[in-house]
Structures are given as C-alpha cells and as structure tokens.
Amino acid sequence: MAEQLPVKKSSSREITAFLDRAARTPTVAQAKGRLVFAIDATMSRGRTWDVATEIQSEMFDVAEAIGGLAVQLAWFRGRGELHASEWTAVPAVLAQQMRDVSCVSGFTQIRRVLSHVGAEASRSRVGALVYVGDACEEDPHVLYAEAGKLALLGVPAFLFHVGRDTDAGTVFAEIARLTRGVYARFDSSAPETLRKLLRAAAVYATGGIPALKDYGERVGGEVRRIAHSLSGTR
C-alpha cells in the first residue's frame, strides 16, 4: 500500500487572504484598460525575455487602483511564427504564458505585430502597445504605414529598445512618433528601468494622460519625461 503523504492545510487567514486577492482582481471584461505586450522572442533576446517575465506583474499592480488592466502577450520567433495569447487580467497567468515560450532564432516580424494590434483595436479599444526588442530587419516604410494605421485607431506604441543598434533605434523612434507614443532605450541588465517603463505604459493604457501625469509627478525620472512627452508639455 502506497504511503500517504501528509497534506498541508491552509489556515483560515491564508484562505481569507486568497479570497480577498481574488475578489480584487478584475476579470478581462471588468478591466478598464487593455494593453498588448509584444516581445521579440528570437534567440538573441532570451535575457530580455527573462527580465520581462520577472517584473511583468507590476503592470497589473500599478493599474489596479485605476481600474484594472487586461494584457495580451504577443511574440514572434523562428521562421514566420507569430503568436498571441488570450487576454488576461491575472499576473500569474501572463507570467506562466511567458515561461512557456522558448526563444528561437529568426528574423524580426514587427510589421505583423503592428498589424495584429490594429486588428485587435478594430474590435475593441486597446489602450497601448508595448514592444520590447533590439533589432529591425524589415523595410522601415512598411512599418511606418502600419504605425499610421495604429495612430488612426488611437493606439500609442511604447517601444523599448535593448542594445545600441542605431538603425533599429531610428525605426523604433519613428514608429513611436507616428503613433504618438514613446521611444526609450534601456539595458536588459538593469531591470529597474524596464520596471518603470512598463508601469508607465500600464498607467497610460488604463487611465490615459491624466493618470500618467499624476503618476509621473509622483515617481519622477524617466516616467515623468514620458508623461510630459505624451501630454505635449515640458
């Protein structure tokens, strides 16, 4: 007869805390903001993916007081692979989706990401696109045309640039300009920068410029600069 291992029972306090967290977590339908979180998952971007997975829950945390956030994960890799998850308002679900993805070498597919976000925004409002990558191997003018479509749909793109590829930086910055979004560079070895940028994007997607300006005044630094850039102030 197999030995039965003892079962650890949760205390009433732990159960109450769990139920409280569940009650405060909005469903996708209840979430005030929607954000597409897109990452280049080709082989060279593995470190960035790991950092983003570790801190993604903070997007949900900072948006909670404003009305909640629903996020869709999108990624490309290999030869023509583009994937998009279901929308979720639960940080643990998004984290697991990210852990299940392995990076595979291939070329960038930024055009398909922009086109996908446009299709989502045509069905239901998308507050922002967050894109994290380090390279661009596509015709910039094709990307600019897709960015223009996002601008008409009111979807700003927050493009976070890993590394020092100047050509990619130029393209990313122009996509941000065309969508009335934000371009920022960061070092994937310094997760605090990405943490602040993702928080800013989540606040904007959920509460718009007023919420982002308020948040920027409280935290300062790069977030304050982003808030002023989006609002047209200095």
Protein backbone atom coordinates (compact mmCIF):
# COMPACT_ATOMS: atom_id res chain seq x y z
CA MET A 1 0.00 0.00 0.00
CA ALA A 2 1.39 3.36 -1.03
CA GLU A 3 2.44 5.64 1.80
CA GLN A 4 0.15 8.64 2.15
CA LEU A 5 1.98 11.92 2.48
CA PRO A 6 0.59 14.47 4.93
CA VAL A 7 -1.49 17.19 3.32
CA LYS A 8 -0.74 20.74 4.40
CA LYS A 9 -3.96 22.55 5.12
CA SER A 10 -4.27 26.25 4.51
CA SER A 11 -5.04 28.36 7.54
CA SER A 12 -8.20 30.43 7.69
CA ARG A 13 -6.03 33.54 7.40
CA GLU A 14 -4.39 32.24 4.18
CA ILE A 15 -7.78 31.33 2.72
CA THR A 16 -9.19 34.76 3.59
CA ALA A 17 -6.18 36.48 2.01
CA PHE A 18 -6.53 34.39 -1.15
CA LEU A 19 -10.25 35.16 -1.47
CA ASP A 20 -9.56 38.84 -0.88
CA ARG A 21 -6.98 38.92 -3.66
CA ALA A 22 -9.33 37.07 -6.00
CA ALA A 23 -12.16 39.49 -5.25
CA ARG A 24 -9.93 42.47 -6.01
CA THR A 25 -8.62 41.02 -9.30
CA PRO A 26 -10.82 42.25 -12.16
CA THR A 27 -11.89 39.93 -14.93
CA VAL A 28 -10.92 40.73 -18.51
CA ALA A 29 -14.40 42.17 -19.07
CA GLN A 30 -14.14 44.35 -15.97
CA ALA A 31 -10.64 45.70 -16.63
CA LYS A 32 -10.62 49.37 -17.54
CA GLY A 33 -7.51 49.17 -19.72
CA ARG A 34 -6.20 46.79 -22.39
CA LEU A 35 -2.55 46.53 -23.40
CA VAL A 36 -0.74 44.31 -25.91
CA PHE A 37 2.68 43.28 -24.58
CA ALA A 38 4.83 42.22 -27.55
CA ILE A 39 8.37 40.84 -27.35
CA ASP A 40 10.90 39.72 -29.93
CA ALA A 41 11.46 36.09 -28.93
CA THR A 42 14.24 35.27 -31.35
CA MET A 43 17.29 33.66 -29.84
CA SER A 44 19.38 36.75 -29.04
CA ARG A 45 16.61 38.26 -26.91
CA GLY A 46 16.47 35.49 -24.27
CA ARG A 47 17.88 37.63 -21.45
CA THR A 48 15.33 40.39 -22.08
CA TRP A 49 12.51 37.88 -22.05
CA ASP A 50 13.63 36.56 -18.65
CA VAL A 51 13.79 40.05 -17.16
CA ALA A 52 10.36 40.98 -18.52
CA THR A 53 8.86 37.76 -17.13
CA GLU A 54 10.20 38.54 -13.68
CA ILE A 55 8.64 42.01 -13.46
CA GLN A 56 5.52 41.86 -15.64
CA SER A 57 3.18 41.60 -12.64
CA GLU A 58 3.97 45.20 -11.74
CA MET A 59 1.97 46.38 -14.77
CA PHE A 60 -1.12 44.89 -13.15
CA ASP A 61 -0.24 46.18 -9.68
CA VAL A 62 0.14 49.80 -10.70
CA ALA A 63 -3.06 49.72 -12.80
CA GLU A 64 -5.18 48.10 -10.08
CA ALA A 65 -6.10 51.34 -8.29
CA ILE A 66 -7.12 52.96 -11.60
CA GLY A 67 -9.50 50.22 -12.69
CA GLY A 68 -7.53 47.13 -13.65
CA LEU A 69 -5.62 46.01 -16.71
CA ALA A 70 -6.07 43.21 -19.26
CA VAL A 71 -2.95 42.15 -21.15
CA GLN A 72 -2.42 40.08 -24.26
CA LEU A 73 1.02 38.59 -24.83
CA ALA A 74 2.31 38.59 -28.42
CA TRP A 75 5.64 37.24 -29.62
CA PHE A 76 7.43 36.19 -32.77
CA ARG A 77 10.31 33.82 -33.34
CA GLY A 78 11.80 31.33 -35.82
CA ARG A 79 10.58 31.26 -39.41
CA GLY A 80 7.36 33.19 -39.57
CA GLU A 81 5.98 32.29 -36.14
CA LEU A 82 3.73 34.95 -34.61
CA HIS A 83 1.67 34.05 -31.57
CA ALA A 84 -0.85 35.93 -29.45
CA SER A 85 -2.29 34.69 -26.17
CA GLU A 86 -5.76 35.10 -24.78
CA TRP A 87 -6.38 38.32 -22.86
CA THR A 88 -5.80 38.00 -19.12
CA ALA A 89 -6.18 40.22 -16.06
CA VAL A 90 -4.23 37.83 -13.83
CA PRO A 91 -0.45 38.42 -13.47
CA ALA A 92 0.29 34.76 -12.69
CA VAL A 93 -1.39 33.65 -15.91
CA LEU A 94 0.68 36.05 -18.02
CA ALA A 95 3.87 35.00 -16.23
CA GLN A 96 3.16 31.34 -16.95
CA GLN A 97 2.45 32.11 -20.60
CA MET A 98 5.83 33.83 -20.82
CA ARG A 99 7.64 30.96 -19.10
CA ASP A 100 6.14 28.52 -21.59
CA VAL A 101 7.79 30.34 -24.52
CA SER A 102 11.27 29.41 -25.68
CA CYS A 103 13.29 31.79 -27.81
CA VAL A 104 14.18 30.56 -31.32
CA SER A 105 16.47 32.28 -33.81
CA GLY A 106 14.85 34.08 -36.72
CA PHE A 107 14.10 37.46 -38.25
CA THR A 108 12.02 40.26 -36.80
CA GLN A 109 8.29 40.41 -37.58
CA ILE A 110 7.40 43.85 -36.31
CA ARG A 111 5.01 44.53 -39.19
CA ARG A 112 2.90 41.54 -38.23
CA VAL A 113 2.84 42.71 -34.61
CA LEU A 114 1.61 46.17 -35.62
CA SER A 115 -0.98 44.66 -37.95
CA HIS A 116 -2.19 42.30 -35.22
CA VAL A 117 -2.61 45.13 -32.73
CA GLY A 118 -4.55 47.10 -35.33
CA ALA A 119 -6.91 44.17 -35.81
CA GLU A 120 -7.44 43.88 -32.04
CA ALA A 121 -8.06 47.61 -31.72
CA SER A 122 -10.61 47.48 -34.53
CA ARG A 123 -12.65 45.00 -32.47
CA SER A 124 -12.29 46.66 -29.06
CA ARG A 125 -10.26 49.57 -27.73
CA VAL A 126 -6.58 48.90 -27.00
CA GLY A 127 -5.00 51.47 -24.72
CA ALA A 128 -1.38 50.88 -25.74
CA LEU A 129 1.14 48.59 -27.41
CA VAL A 130 4.32 47.79 -25.54
CA TYR A 131 7.08 46.39 -27.75
CA VAL A 132 10.47 45.22 -26.46
CA GLY A 133 13.22 44.40 -28.95
CA ASP A 134 16.74 45.14 -30.08
CA ALA A 135 16.70 44.85 -33.88
CA CYS A 136 14.76 45.63 -37.02
CA GLU A 137 15.27 43.58 -40.19
CA GLU A 138 12.29 44.89 -42.18
CA ASP A 139 11.50 47.70 -44.61
CA PRO A 140 11.00 50.77 -42.40
CA HIS A 141 8.45 52.33 -44.75
CA VAL A 142 6.20 49.27 -44.48
CA LEU A 143 6.38 49.57 -40.69
CA TYR A 144 5.60 53.28 -40.83
CA ALA A 145 2.47 52.57 -42.87
CA GLU A 146 1.28 50.11 -40.21
CA ALA A 147 2.13 52.61 -37.49
CA GLY A 148 -0.02 55.19 -39.24
CA LYS A 149 -2.97 52.79 -39.05
CA LEU A 150 -2.44 52.42 -35.31
CA ALA A 151 -2.40 56.19 -34.95
CA LEU A 152 -5.82 56.39 -36.62
CA LEU A 153 -7.08 53.81 -34.13
CA GLY A 154 -5.69 55.79 -31.21
CA VAL A 155 -3.13 53.19 -30.10
CA PRO A 156 0.20 54.68 -28.98
CA ALA A 157 3.23 52.39 -29.17
CA PHE A 158 5.72 52.27 -26.30
CA LEU A 159 8.88 50.93 -27.91
CA PHE A 160 11.61 49.86 -25.50
CA HIS A 161 14.93 49.38 -27.23
CA VAL A 162 17.50 46.93 -25.90
CA GLY A 163 21.09 47.46 -27.04
CA ARG A 164 22.73 50.01 -29.31
CA ASP A 165 21.61 49.18 -32.85
CA THR A 166 21.29 52.71 -34.22
CA ASP A 167 19.28 51.67 -37.28
CA ALA A 168 16.73 49.87 -35.11
CA GLY A 169 16.64 52.86 -32.79
CA THR A 170 15.80 55.18 -35.66
CA VAL A 171 12.93 52.96 -36.80
CA PHE A 172 11.58 52.46 -33.28
CA ALA A 173 11.66 56.19 -32.59
CA GLU A 174 9.75 56.94 -35.80
CA ILE A 175 7.07 54.35 -35.03
CA ALA A 176 6.67 55.95 -31.61
CA ARG A 177 6.38 59.40 -33.18
CA LEU A 178 3.81 58.30 -35.76
CA THR A 179 1.62 56.62 -33.13
CA ARG A 180 2.08 59.49 -30.67
CA GLY A 181 3.78 57.05 -28.37
CA VAL A 182 7.14 56.75 -26.64
CA TYR A 183 10.61 55.51 -27.58
CA ALA A 184 13.07 54.68 -24.82
CA ARG A 185 16.34 52.77 -24.58
CA PHE A 186 17.25 50.51 -21.70
CA ASP A 187 19.85 47.95 -20.72
CA SER A 188 18.39 44.50 -20.13
CA SER A 189 20.92 44.01 -17.33
CA ALA A 190 19.21 46.83 -15.40
CA PRO A 191 15.62 45.62 -14.84
CA GLU A 192 14.68 48.69 -12.78
CA THR A 193 14.49 50.78 -15.98
CA LEU A 194 12.15 48.33 -17.70
CA ARG A 195 10.11 48.10 -14.49
CA LYS A 196 9.46 51.86 -14.57
CA LEU A 197 8.70 51.91 -18.28
CA LEU A 198 6.19 49.05 -18.07
CA ARG A 199 4.47 50.72 -15.15
CA ALA A 200 4.15 53.92 -17.17
CA ALA A 201 2.64 52.07 -20.13
CA ALA A 202 0.16 50.27 -17.87
CA VAL A 203 -0.94 53.50 -16.21
CA TYR A 204 -1.45 55.16 -19.58
CA ALA A 205 -3.38 52.20 -21.02
CA THR A 206 -5.67 52.20 -18.00
CA GLY A 207 -6.13 55.87 -17.11
CA GLY A 208 -4.82 57.88 -20.06
CA ILE A 209 -2.70 61.03 -19.89
CA PRO A 210 -4.21 62.42 -16.63
CA ALA A 211 -3.33 59.24 -14.72
CA LEU A 212 0.13 59.05 -16.28
CA LYS A 213 0.88 62.71 -15.47
CA ASP A 214 -0.13 62.16 -11.86
CA TYR A 215 1.98 59.01 -11.67
CA GLY A 216 4.92 60.75 -13.36
CA GLU A 217 4.87 63.61 -10.86
CA ARG A 218 4.96 61.10 -8.01
CA VAL A 219 7.81 58.90 -9.29
CA GLY A 220 9.75 61.41 -11.40
CA GLY A 221 12.65 60.48 -13.66
CA GLU A 222 12.02 58.73 -16.97
CA VAL A 223 8.33 58.20 -16.18
CA ARG A 224 7.84 61.93 -15.67
CA ARG A 225 9.59 62.59 -19.01
CA ILE A 226 7.31 60.09 -20.75
CA ALA A 227 4.23 61.68 -19.22
CA HIS A 228 5.28 65.13 -20.37
CA SER A 229 6.17 63.84 -23.83
CA LEU A 230 2.75 62.25 -24.31
CA SER A 231 0.90 65.29 -22.98
CA GLY A 232 2.89 67.73 -25.12
CA THR A 233 4.33 69.61 -22.12
CA ARG A 234 7.87 70.16 -20.91
